[in-house]
Amino acid sequence: MRKLSLRIKKTRIDGKTYFQVTVPNPEGGRGKRKTFSSKTDAETYLAAAKIERENYGVAAFGISDTLRTDAVRAAEILSETGVTLTEAARAFLKDWRLKKSGVPIAQAKDAFLASNAKREKRHLTNLKTRLSHFAAAAGSKTTTEIEPGEISDFLASLTYEPRTVLHYWTHLNGFFNFCIGKKWISENPMRNVKRPTVSDADIEKLSPSEAADILSGSDDRILAGVVIGLFCGLRQSEIQKLDWSVVDLQEGVIVLNASVVAKKTARRVVPIPDCAKAWLVPLHQKNGKVWPEGEGTRDSWTKARISAGFGPFKPTSAKARELQTDSKTGKARTDLRPWPDNALRHSALSYKLALSGNLATIAYESGNSPDTIKRYYNGLATAKQAATFFALMPQDQGKIVRMSA
């Protein structure tokens, strides 16, 4: 097929002189003519046509009027940015391809959990619980479809204490960083989700009366762990790793070695108060987990707190849900008050400090610095309240608590 030459042809129409330029038809067949009344306009068009054919071939002449109009409008929209239509198109194509590469949140969650499979069991359990909660709320959304506003709404809907909400934020941040590494998103949406703040005022302890209720509501499966957390101040993660073999009631100490202590703190020896000994004597074993694993243990802990008037808690067993439901209305009970985050440990350290005032000793026993103890626990309890707290004793028959005046 002969290549159509680009040139100007002089012609007369209705007795007047015009100048025509014939350009290739991208769909094939005869060329397309452009007619001008001025030779100068025809020469300008011819020069531009030659450049377009040189750069883009025949396709350069296939621009419809609609496409030209759209291009003009797009250029007007982009005028203040200095970005060309080509640059904008490339950026859009990149974003479009990225969105197509997104995967369902639930699928990404499973991959993230699998990548953390070698982490500590408690950490992995918390990750699974929190990310599963988020994935359920996200529904069918993919990693590229989820918006920062939706994540903010999810965090705002949580009924937990501020520190727990902060843990959710931290785990979601790690999850989306993982997605970036997998190229399932281009940037972390958590950059635009406000990080929850936790102030010193958020530290809360149990009153002696509330502590008594928790002890009374705890069954034998969890009672030892509750006692050790409440009176000795061990962290939950430490209690879950604790073996009876290191609980020495005769010497009145718990020896925490490097495999148990949290936050990579040094090995330490924690004294067992007399009240704690009284509760632990009938429960003591030579060895074995102080805090057994399994759903039954979690359900027992949930029911103990509900029986003491705290809640709501989720996810829970059917029995725990029943305890949180008003039998008359069938709706969630409104008399339950929020459970203070890390309440057992916070209570122990607050009352210990109020009773002795020895920052250095309590810091060593708790695995913290003296500054931390003073900052968070100073002034949360009086000496009289502390004396009442450490006088909580079981009676011989059942777990009936005797409280000193």
Protein backbone atom coordinates (compact mmCIF):
# COMPACT_ATOMS: atom_id res chain seq x y z
CA MET A 1 0.00 0.00 0.00
CA ARG A 2 1.42 3.37 -1.10
CA LYS A 3 2.23 5.74 1.73
CA LEU A 4 0.07 8.85 1.51
CA SER A 5 2.18 11.98 1.09
CA LEU A 6 1.37 15.07 3.09
CA ARG A 7 1.08 18.17 0.91
CA ILE A 8 -1.05 21.21 0.21
CA LYS A 9 -3.37 21.20 -2.78
CA LYS A 10 -4.89 24.39 -4.14
CA THR A 11 -8.55 24.11 -5.18
CA ARG A 12 -11.56 26.29 -6.04
CA ILE A 13 -14.95 25.88 -4.44
CA ASP A 14 -17.92 28.03 -5.48
CA GLY A 15 -15.57 30.39 -7.27
CA LYS A 16 -13.29 30.89 -4.25
CA THR A 17 -9.73 29.62 -3.71
CA TYR A 18 -9.07 27.17 -0.84
CA PHE A 19 -6.13 25.11 0.33
CA GLN A 20 -6.54 21.43 1.27
CA VAL A 21 -4.32 19.07 3.22
CA THR A 22 -5.02 15.32 3.01
CA VAL A 23 -3.99 13.20 5.99
CA PRO A 24 -4.09 9.40 6.42
CA ASN A 25 -7.27 7.68 7.63
CA PRO A 26 -6.29 5.43 10.63
CA GLU A 27 -9.19 3.12 9.75
CA GLY A 28 -7.89 2.64 6.21
CA GLY A 29 -9.29 3.76 2.85
CA ARG A 30 -9.07 7.24 1.36
CA GLY A 31 -7.34 9.98 3.29
CA LYS A 32 -9.17 12.63 5.26
CA ARG A 33 -9.16 16.17 3.89
CA LYS A 34 -8.79 19.37 5.86
CA THR A 35 -9.77 22.57 4.04
CA PHE A 36 -8.47 26.05 4.87
CA SER A 37 -9.25 29.45 3.37
CA SER A 38 -5.74 30.67 4.23
CA LYS A 39 -2.59 29.14 2.83
CA THR A 40 -0.78 30.10 6.05
CA ASP A 41 -3.26 28.07 8.15
CA ALA A 42 -2.86 25.13 5.77
CA GLU A 43 0.94 25.28 6.01
CA THR A 44 0.76 25.41 9.85
CA TYR A 45 -1.54 22.37 9.91
CA LEU A 46 0.70 20.53 7.43
CA ALA A 47 3.80 21.10 9.55
CA ALA A 48 2.05 19.83 12.69
CA ALA A 49 0.68 16.81 10.80
CA LYS A 50 4.17 15.84 9.63
CA ILE A 51 5.47 16.00 13.21
CA GLU A 52 2.56 13.93 14.53
CA ARG A 53 3.05 11.30 11.82
CA GLU A 54 6.75 11.17 12.63
CA ASN A 55 6.09 10.71 16.36
CA TYR A 56 2.93 8.61 16.48
CA GLY A 57 2.27 7.26 12.97
CA VAL A 58 -1.18 7.07 11.40
CA ALA A 59 -2.90 6.80 14.82
CA ALA A 60 -2.20 10.50 15.41
CA PHE A 61 -4.91 11.37 12.89
CA GLY A 62 -7.60 9.24 14.52
CA ILE A 63 -8.56 11.71 17.26
CA SER A 64 -12.30 12.26 17.23
CA ASP A 65 -13.92 15.58 18.05
CA THR A 66 -15.20 14.07 21.29
CA LEU A 67 -11.70 12.99 22.27
CA ARG A 68 -10.28 16.38 21.40
CA THR A 69 -12.91 18.08 23.55
CA ASP A 70 -12.19 15.70 26.43
CA ALA A 71 -8.47 16.36 26.11
CA VAL A 72 -9.03 20.12 26.24
CA ARG A 73 -11.16 19.78 29.39
CA ALA A 74 -8.63 17.49 31.03
CA ALA A 75 -5.83 19.95 30.26
CA GLU A 76 -7.88 22.74 31.86
CA ILE A 77 -8.37 20.63 35.01
CA LEU A 78 -4.64 19.93 35.21
CA SER A 79 -3.55 23.47 34.34
CA GLU A 80 -2.85 24.54 37.93
CA THR A 81 -0.72 21.45 38.59
CA GLY A 82 1.68 21.69 35.68
CA VAL A 83 1.08 17.99 34.97
CA THR A 84 0.60 16.92 31.35
CA LEU A 85 -2.21 14.68 30.12
CA THR A 86 0.30 11.90 29.50
CA GLU A 87 1.72 12.18 33.02
CA ALA A 88 -1.78 12.17 34.51
CA ALA A 89 -2.75 9.14 32.43
CA ARG A 90 0.33 7.24 33.56
CA ALA A 91 -0.35 8.05 37.21
CA PHE A 92 -3.96 6.94 36.86
CA LEU A 93 -2.91 3.70 35.16
CA LYS A 94 -0.45 2.97 37.97
CA ASP A 95 -3.17 3.54 40.59
CA TRP A 96 -5.67 1.47 38.61
CA ARG A 97 -3.24 -1.43 38.32
CA LEU A 98 -2.48 -1.19 42.03
CA LYS A 99 -6.16 -1.37 42.93
CA LYS A 100 -6.49 -4.46 40.78
CA SER A 101 -3.61 -6.02 42.74
CA GLY A 102 -5.39 -5.60 46.10
CA VAL A 103 -6.50 -8.73 47.93
CA PRO A 104 -9.42 -9.27 50.33
CA ILE A 105 -8.68 -8.11 53.88
CA ALA A 106 -9.51 -11.58 55.22
CA GLN A 107 -6.99 -13.20 52.86
CA ALA A 108 -4.30 -10.65 53.71
CA LYS A 109 -4.99 -11.21 57.41
CA ASP A 110 -4.37 -14.96 57.08
CA ALA A 111 -1.08 -14.31 55.27
CA PHE A 112 0.02 -11.85 57.96
CA LEU A 113 -0.78 -14.31 60.74
CA ALA A 114 1.13 -17.05 58.92
CA SER A 115 4.17 -14.74 58.73
CA ASN A 116 3.99 -14.34 62.52
CA ALA A 117 3.57 -18.05 63.25
CA LYS A 118 6.85 -18.25 65.18
CA ARG A 119 5.99 -15.39 67.51
CA GLU A 120 5.09 -15.94 71.15
CA LYS A 121 1.74 -17.73 71.47
CA ARG A 122 0.06 -14.95 73.46
CA HIS A 123 1.16 -12.35 70.93
CA LEU A 124 -0.12 -14.47 68.07
CA THR A 125 -3.44 -15.03 69.86
CA ASN A 126 -3.91 -11.28 70.33
CA LEU A 127 -3.03 -10.65 66.69
CA LYS A 128 -5.53 -13.24 65.50
CA THR A 129 -8.33 -11.94 67.73
CA ARG A 130 -7.88 -8.27 66.81
CA LEU A 131 -7.27 -8.71 63.09
CA SER A 132 -10.14 -11.18 62.76
CA HIS A 133 -12.36 -8.59 64.43
CA PHE A 134 -11.19 -5.98 61.90
CA ALA A 135 -11.54 -8.35 58.92
CA ALA A 136 -15.12 -9.15 59.92
CA ALA A 137 -15.92 -5.42 60.05
CA ALA A 138 -14.23 -4.85 56.66
CA GLY A 139 -16.41 -7.49 55.00
CA SER A 140 -15.57 -7.93 51.31
CA LYS A 141 -13.26 -4.90 51.16
CA THR A 142 -9.80 -5.40 49.67
CA THR A 143 -6.52 -3.94 50.88
CA THR A 144 -6.71 -1.17 48.27
CA GLU A 145 -10.38 -0.36 48.89
CA ILE A 146 -10.29 0.16 52.65
CA GLU A 147 -10.22 3.87 53.55
CA PRO A 148 -8.59 5.55 56.58
CA GLY A 149 -12.01 6.87 57.61
CA GLU A 150 -13.40 3.35 57.76
CA ILE A 151 -10.50 2.23 59.96
CA SER A 152 -11.07 5.23 62.25
CA ASP A 153 -14.75 4.34 62.52
CA PHE A 154 -13.83 0.76 63.41
CA LEU A 155 -11.50 1.87 66.21
CA ALA A 156 -14.11 4.32 67.49
CA SER A 157 -16.68 1.51 67.68
CA LEU A 158 -14.53 -0.54 70.08
CA THR A 159 -15.83 -0.63 73.65
CA TYR A 160 -12.45 -1.42 75.20
CA GLU A 161 -10.20 0.68 77.41
CA PRO A 162 -7.91 3.19 75.63
CA ARG A 163 -4.83 0.98 76.02
CA THR A 164 -6.56 -1.92 74.29
CA VAL A 165 -7.69 0.35 71.44
CA LEU A 166 -4.07 1.47 71.12
CA HIS A 167 -3.05 -2.19 70.79
CA TYR A 168 -5.58 -2.55 67.95
CA TRP A 169 -4.07 0.50 66.22
CA THR A 170 -0.55 -0.89 66.59
CA HIS A 171 -1.46 -4.30 65.19
CA LEU A 172 -3.32 -2.77 62.24
CA ASN A 173 -0.31 -0.58 61.51
CA GLY A 174 1.91 -3.65 61.40
CA PHE A 175 -0.62 -5.47 59.23
CA PHE A 176 -0.72 -2.72 56.59
CA ASN A 177 3.08 -2.42 56.59
CA PHE A 178 3.11 -6.12 55.77
CA CYS A 179 0.68 -5.45 52.89
CA ILE A 180 3.03 -2.79 51.51
CA GLY A 181 5.81 -5.37 51.43
CA LYS A 182 3.53 -7.69 49.49
CA LYS A 183 2.66 -4.82 47.07
CA TRP A 184 -1.02 -5.14 47.98
CA ILE A 185 -1.12 -1.41 48.77
CA SER A 186 1.15 1.53 47.90
CA GLU A 187 1.03 3.30 51.26
CA ASN A 188 -0.10 2.58 54.80
CA PRO A 189 -3.62 4.00 55.45
CA MET A 190 -2.81 4.12 59.17
CA ARG A 191 -0.76 7.26 58.44
CA ASN A 192 -4.12 9.02 58.25
CA VAL A 193 -5.69 7.26 61.24
CA LYS A 194 -5.15 9.08 64.52
CA ARG A 195 -3.11 7.06 66.99
CA PRO A 196 -5.05 6.65 70.27
CA THR A 197 -3.47 8.41 73.22
CA VAL A 198 -3.27 6.93 76.70
CA SER A 199 -2.76 9.25 79.63
CA ASP A 200 -1.63 8.53 83.17
CA ALA A 201 -5.24 9.01 84.24
CA ASP A 202 -6.14 5.82 82.37
CA ILE A 203 -4.37 3.72 85.04
CA GLU A 204 -7.14 2.25 87.19
CA LYS A 205 -7.09 -0.16 90.11
CA LEU A 206 -9.78 -2.28 91.74
CA SER A 207 -11.19 -1.20 95.08
CA PRO A 208 -10.83 -3.76 97.91
CA SER A 209 -14.53 -4.56 97.49
CA GLU A 210 -14.17 -5.12 93.74
CA ALA A 211 -11.08 -7.27 94.33
CA ALA A 212 -13.11 -9.37 96.78
CA ASP A 213 -15.82 -9.84 94.14
CA ILE A 214 -13.27 -10.99 91.57
CA LEU A 215 -11.80 -13.52 93.99
CA SER A 216 -15.25 -14.85 94.87
CA GLY A 217 -16.21 -15.16 91.20
CA SER A 218 -13.06 -17.04 90.13
CA ASP A 219 -13.28 -20.82 89.88
CA ASP A 220 -10.40 -23.16 90.71
CA ARG A 221 -9.22 -23.18 87.09
CA ILE A 222 -8.14 -19.53 87.24
CA LEU A 223 -8.11 -18.63 90.95
CA ALA A 224 -4.35 -19.12 91.46
CA GLY A 225 -3.50 -16.91 88.49
CA VAL A 226 -5.93 -14.23 89.65
CA VAL A 227 -4.43 -14.29 93.17
CA ILE A 228 -0.86 -13.99 91.84
CA GLY A 229 -1.80 -11.14 89.52
CA LEU A 230 -3.87 -9.33 92.13
CA PHE A 231 -1.50 -9.55 95.11
CA CYS A 232 1.96 -10.14 93.58
CA GLY A 233 1.61 -7.87 90.53
CA LEU A 234 2.83 -10.22 87.79
CA ARG A 235 1.95 -9.34 84.23
CA GLN A 236 -0.66 -11.40 82.43
CA SER A 237 1.95 -12.71 79.97
CA GLU A 238 4.14 -13.79 82.91
CA ILE A 239 1.26 -15.57 84.64
CA GLN A 240 0.45 -17.46 81.45
CA LYS A 241 4.01 -18.81 81.31
CA LEU A 242 4.30 -19.47 85.04
CA ASP A 243 4.89 -23.02 86.30
CA TRP A 244 3.98 -24.15 89.81
CA SER A 245 7.54 -25.37 90.32
CA VAL A 246 8.77 -21.76 90.77
CA VAL A 247 6.02 -20.82 93.25
CA ASP A 248 7.67 -21.46 96.59
CA LEU A 249 5.07 -21.03 99.33
CA GLN A 250 7.45 -22.14 102.07
CA GLU A 251 9.93 -19.39 101.22
CA GLY A 252 7.13 -17.08 100.19
CA VAL A 253 8.55 -16.13 96.77
CA ILE A 254 8.01 -16.62 93.06
CA VAL A 255 11.22 -16.92 91.05
CA LEU A 256 10.84 -15.56 87.53
CA ASN A 257 13.60 -16.66 85.17
CA ALA A 258 14.51 -15.23 81.76
CA SER A 259 11.99 -17.39 79.91
CA VAL A 260 9.09 -15.94 81.89
CA VAL A 261 9.83 -12.26 82.48
CA ALA A 262 8.23 -9.80 80.07
CA LYS A 263 9.87 -6.96 78.12
CA LYS A 264 13.29 -8.64 78.37
CA THR A 265 13.75 -7.46 81.94
CA ALA A 266 16.19 -9.22 84.27
CA ARG A 267 15.41 -12.34 86.29
CA ARG A 268 13.65 -11.36 89.48
CA VAL A 269 12.23 -12.72 92.74
CA VAL A 270 8.71 -11.61 93.73
CA PRO A 271 7.48 -11.96 97.33
CA ILE A 272 4.14 -13.65 98.03
CA PRO A 273 2.07 -11.68 100.60
CA ASP A 274 0.44 -13.61 103.44
CA CYS A 275 -3.02 -13.09 101.98
CA ALA A 276 -1.90 -14.60 98.66
CA LYS A 277 -0.36 -17.61 100.46
CA ALA A 278 -3.69 -18.28 102.17
CA TRP A 279 -5.45 -18.45 98.82
CA LEU A 280 -2.71 -20.49 97.11
CA VAL A 281 -2.11 -23.21 99.74
CA PRO A 282 -5.13 -25.38 98.80
CA LEU A 283 -4.44 -24.88 95.08
CA HIS A 284 -0.68 -25.48 95.02
CA GLN A 285 0.84 -28.19 92.82
CA LYS A 286 4.41 -29.43 92.40
CA ASN A 287 4.47 -28.51 88.75
CA GLY A 288 2.25 -27.66 85.79
CA LYS A 289 0.81 -24.46 84.40
CA VAL A 290 -0.61 -22.01 86.93
CA TRP A 291 -2.84 -20.59 84.19
CA PRO A 292 -4.05 -23.50 82.01
CA GLU A 293 -4.49 -23.03 78.28
CA GLY A 294 -7.74 -23.40 76.40
CA GLU A 295 -11.10 -21.74 75.83
CA GLY A 296 -12.37 -22.93 79.20
CA THR A 297 -9.82 -20.79 81.01
CA ARG A 298 -10.78 -17.69 79.05
CA ASP A 299 -14.46 -18.31 79.65
CA SER A 300 -13.84 -18.72 83.38
CA TRP A 301 -12.02 -15.37 83.48
CA THR A 302 -14.80 -13.67 81.51
CA LYS A 303 -17.50 -15.08 83.81
CA ALA A 304 -15.56 -14.07 86.93
CA ARG A 305 -15.46 -10.44 85.82
CA ILE A 306 -19.10 -10.44 84.77
CA SER A 307 -20.12 -11.88 88.13
CA ALA A 308 -18.27 -8.97 89.75
CA GLY A 309 -20.26 -6.48 87.66
CA PHE A 310 -17.80 -5.83 84.83
CA GLY A 311 -18.39 -6.06 81.09
CA PRO A 312 -19.33 -6.42 78.31
CA PHE A 313 -16.68 -8.77 76.95
CA LYS A 314 -16.30 -10.21 73.46
CA PRO A 315 -15.76 -12.67 72.00
CA THR A 316 -17.24 -14.86 74.71
CA SER A 317 -18.82 -18.26 75.21
CA ALA A 318 -22.56 -18.81 75.12
CA LYS A 319 -22.60 -18.95 78.93
CA ALA A 320 -20.73 -15.66 79.22
CA ARG A 321 -23.10 -14.03 76.73
CA GLU A 322 -25.99 -15.30 78.80
CA LEU A 323 -24.55 -13.67 81.91
CA GLN A 324 -24.30 -10.37 80.03
CA THR A 325 -27.94 -10.52 78.95
CA ASP A 326 -30.84 -9.16 80.96
CA SER A 327 -33.17 -12.13 81.51
CA LYS A 328 -36.25 -9.89 81.39
CA THR A 329 -35.51 -7.84 78.27
CA GLY A 330 -33.23 -10.23 76.42
CA LYS A 331 -30.89 -7.29 75.77
CA ALA A 332 -27.37 -6.59 76.98
CA ARG A 333 -27.20 -5.67 80.65
CA THR A 334 -26.77 -1.97 81.32
CA ASP A 335 -25.49 -2.36 84.87
CA LEU A 336 -22.07 -3.69 83.82
CA ARG A 337 -19.18 -1.25 84.14
CA PRO A 338 -15.99 -1.24 82.03
CA TRP A 339 -13.19 -3.53 83.15
CA PRO A 340 -10.03 -1.48 83.90
CA ASP A 341 -7.21 -2.52 81.59
CA ASN A 342 -4.58 -4.66 83.37
CA ALA A 343 -6.53 -4.15 86.59
CA LEU A 344 -4.94 -6.97 88.62
CA ARG A 345 -1.35 -5.78 88.19
CA HIS A 346 -2.28 -2.10 88.56
CA SER A 347 -4.08 -2.89 91.82
CA ALA A 348 -1.15 -4.84 93.26
CA LEU A 349 1.41 -2.14 92.48
CA SER A 350 -0.83 0.72 93.64
CA TYR A 351 -1.52 -0.87 97.01
CA LYS A 352 2.08 -2.05 97.48
CA LEU A 353 3.34 1.50 96.98
CA ALA A 354 0.71 2.94 99.31
CA LEU A 355 1.63 0.42 102.02
CA SER A 356 5.44 0.64 101.93
CA GLY A 357 6.34 3.69 99.86
CA ASN A 358 9.55 1.92 98.76
CA LEU A 359 9.90 2.81 95.06
CA ALA A 360 13.13 0.86 94.49
CA THR A 361 11.82 -2.40 95.98
CA ILE A 362 8.49 -2.27 94.17
CA ALA A 363 10.24 -1.38 90.91
CA TYR A 364 12.48 -4.45 91.21
CA GLU A 365 9.61 -6.76 92.13
CA SER A 366 7.47 -5.51 89.22
CA GLY A 367 10.21 -5.37 86.58
CA ASN A 368 9.86 -1.60 86.10
CA SER A 369 11.93 1.48 86.86
CA PRO A 370 11.37 3.58 90.00
CA ASP A 371 10.38 6.51 87.77
CA THR A 372 7.69 4.41 86.11
CA ILE A 373 6.30 3.25 89.45
CA LYS A 374 6.18 6.80 90.78
CA ARG A 375 4.66 8.20 87.59
CA TYR A 376 1.83 5.70 87.25
CA TYR A 377 1.02 4.44 90.75
CA ASN A 378 1.91 7.16 93.23
CA GLY A 379 -1.15 8.44 95.09
CA LEU A 380 -3.66 5.98 93.63
CA ALA A 381 -4.37 4.44 97.05
CA THR A 382 -4.06 5.28 100.73
CA ALA A 383 -2.30 3.23 103.39
CA LYS A 384 -5.68 2.40 104.96
CA GLN A 385 -7.06 1.12 101.64
CA ALA A 386 -3.89 -0.92 101.13
CA ALA A 387 -4.23 -2.53 104.55
CA THR A 388 -7.82 -3.49 103.71
CA PHE A 389 -6.76 -4.86 100.32
CA PHE A 390 -3.99 -7.09 101.71
CA ALA A 391 -6.34 -8.40 104.39
CA LEU A 392 -8.59 -10.15 101.85
CA MET A 393 -8.58 -13.75 103.07
CA PRO A 394 -10.51 -16.90 102.17
CA GLN A 395 -12.51 -18.67 104.84
CA ASP A 396 -12.24 -22.40 105.36
CA GLN A 397 -15.52 -23.12 103.63
CA GLY A 398 -15.74 -21.80 100.08
CA LYS A 399 -14.30 -18.61 98.77
CA ILE A 400 -16.05 -16.23 101.15
CA VAL A 401 -13.90 -13.16 101.55
CA ARG A 402 -13.29 -11.58 104.94
CA MET A 403 -12.53 -7.86 104.68
CA SER A 404 -10.83 -6.00 107.47
CA ALA A 405 -12.25 -2.68 108.47
